[in-house]
Amino acid sequence: MPKPSDLLQGTLDLLILKAISREALHGWGIAKRIQLFSDDVLSVQQGSLYPALHRLEQQGWITAEWKDTETGREAKFYALTREGRRQLERELQTWSRLSLAVEQVLSRA
């Protein structure tokens, strides 16, 4: 089972961007969505998630806003920017090419 440190470089950015593509989420929500949608195969730890969120925010791909959660606590919610949506599309295209190339190598070797 892969661990977060086993992910290909750049994959975490793609997973985060995809996780918030439908709605803004707080950090814990992003981590849970990735874990849920991967059927518990992927688990993103706080030590990887929050530096990545900060980096994505610095790049202008996401924005952050403090809001109340469903439990009444305040949390930082992350949402895609217009440039973030474009970056997500670029990353999805790159992932498709990479995964196809890996599949071709595995099926021919």
Protein backbone atom coordinates (compact mmCIF):
# COMPACT_ATOMS: atom_id res chain seq x y z
CA MET A 1 0.00 0.00 0.00
CA PRO A 2 1.56 3.35 -0.99
CA LYS A 3 2.37 5.87 1.70
CA PRO A 4 2.27 9.63 1.04
CA SER A 5 6.06 9.66 0.77
CA ASP A 6 5.78 7.04 -1.99
CA LEU A 7 3.71 9.30 -4.23
CA LEU A 8 5.38 10.57 -7.37
CA GLN A 9 6.63 14.11 -7.03
CA GLY A 10 3.83 16.52 -7.93
CA THR A 11 1.05 13.99 -7.36
CA LEU A 12 0.02 15.56 -4.06
CA ASP A 13 -0.60 18.89 -5.78
CA LEU A 14 -2.84 17.16 -8.33
CA LEU A 15 -4.77 15.33 -5.60
CA ILE A 16 -5.32 18.53 -3.60
CA LEU A 17 -6.43 20.52 -6.63
CA LYS A 18 -8.84 17.76 -7.63
CA ALA A 19 -10.17 17.39 -4.07
CA ILE A 20 -11.23 21.04 -3.95
CA SER A 21 -12.39 21.28 -7.56
CA ARG A 22 -16.09 20.99 -6.61
CA GLU A 23 -16.16 22.90 -3.35
CA ALA A 24 -13.96 24.67 -0.84
CA LEU A 25 -12.69 22.41 1.92
CA HIS A 26 -10.59 22.78 5.05
CA GLY A 27 -7.35 20.82 5.41
CA TRP A 28 -8.87 17.90 7.30
CA GLY A 29 -11.66 17.71 4.71
CA ILE A 30 -9.13 17.58 1.88
CA ALA A 31 -7.20 14.77 3.54
CA LYS A 32 -10.40 12.82 4.25
CA ARG A 33 -11.69 13.27 0.68
CA ILE A 34 -8.42 11.93 -0.77
CA GLN A 35 -8.51 8.99 1.63
CA LEU A 36 -12.19 8.27 0.94
CA PHE A 37 -11.97 8.54 -2.85
CA SER A 38 -8.88 6.30 -2.90
CA ASP A 39 -10.70 3.63 -0.87
CA ASP A 40 -8.27 4.20 2.03
CA VAL A 41 -5.20 3.51 -0.11
CA LEU A 42 -3.88 7.08 0.12
CA SER A 43 -3.41 8.94 3.38
CA VAL A 44 -2.08 12.49 3.38
CA GLN A 45 -0.42 13.50 6.62
CA GLN A 46 -0.54 17.05 8.00
CA GLY A 47 3.22 17.38 7.61
CA SER A 48 2.80 16.98 3.84
CA LEU A 49 -0.62 18.56 3.36
CA TYR A 50 -0.15 21.97 4.94
CA PRO A 51 3.18 22.81 3.28
CA ALA A 52 1.60 21.80 -0.04
CA LEU A 53 -1.45 24.00 0.62
CA HIS A 54 0.84 26.91 1.47
CA ARG A 55 2.85 26.34 -1.72
CA LEU A 56 -0.30 26.15 -3.87
CA GLU A 57 -1.57 29.36 -2.28
CA GLN A 58 1.77 31.08 -2.97
CA GLN A 59 1.52 30.01 -6.61
CA GLY A 60 -1.94 31.56 -6.88
CA TRP A 61 -3.69 28.27 -7.61
CA ILE A 62 -5.80 28.28 -4.45
CA THR A 63 -7.19 30.86 -2.06
CA ALA A 64 -7.84 30.46 1.64
CA GLU A 65 -10.62 31.94 3.75
CA TRP A 66 -11.45 31.45 7.43
CA LYS A 67 -15.01 30.12 7.91
CA ASP A 68 -17.03 28.27 10.50
CA THR A 69 -17.15 24.50 10.12
CA GLU A 70 -20.20 22.30 10.61
CA THR A 71 -19.06 21.82 14.23
CA GLY A 72 -18.98 25.58 14.85
CA ARG A 73 -15.20 25.79 14.95
CA GLU A 74 -13.33 28.11 12.63
CA ALA A 75 -11.07 26.62 9.96
CA LYS A 76 -9.27 27.76 6.86
CA PHE A 77 -11.14 26.69 3.73
CA TYR A 78 -9.27 26.31 0.46
CA ALA A 79 -10.76 26.90 -3.00
CA LEU A 80 -9.42 26.86 -6.55
CA THR A 81 -8.69 30.11 -8.33
CA ARG A 82 -9.22 30.52 -12.06
CA GLU A 83 -5.50 29.86 -12.57
CA GLY A 84 -5.83 26.85 -10.25
CA ARG A 85 -8.49 25.38 -12.52
CA ARG A 86 -6.18 25.82 -15.51
CA GLN A 87 -3.35 24.21 -13.55
CA LEU A 88 -5.59 21.29 -12.60
CA GLU A 89 -6.33 20.69 -16.28
CA ARG A 90 -2.61 20.79 -17.12
CA GLU A 91 -1.83 18.39 -14.28
CA LEU A 92 -4.61 16.00 -15.35
CA GLN A 93 -3.22 15.94 -18.89
CA THR A 94 0.30 15.29 -17.59
CA TRP A 95 -0.98 12.51 -15.31
CA SER A 96 -2.86 10.89 -18.21
CA ARG A 97 0.26 10.87 -20.38
CA LEU A 98 2.41 9.54 -17.54
CA SER A 99 -0.01 6.80 -16.48
CA LEU A 100 -0.48 5.71 -20.10
CA ALA A 101 3.29 5.51 -20.59
CA VAL A 102 3.72 3.46 -17.40
CA GLU A 103 0.88 1.14 -18.45
CA GLN A 104 2.51 0.64 -21.85
CA VAL A 105 5.84 -0.27 -20.26
CA LEU A 106 4.17 -2.69 -17.84
CA SER A 107 2.15 -4.40 -20.54
CA ARG A 108 5.09 -4.79 -22.93
CA ALA A 109 7.85 -5.76 -20.54
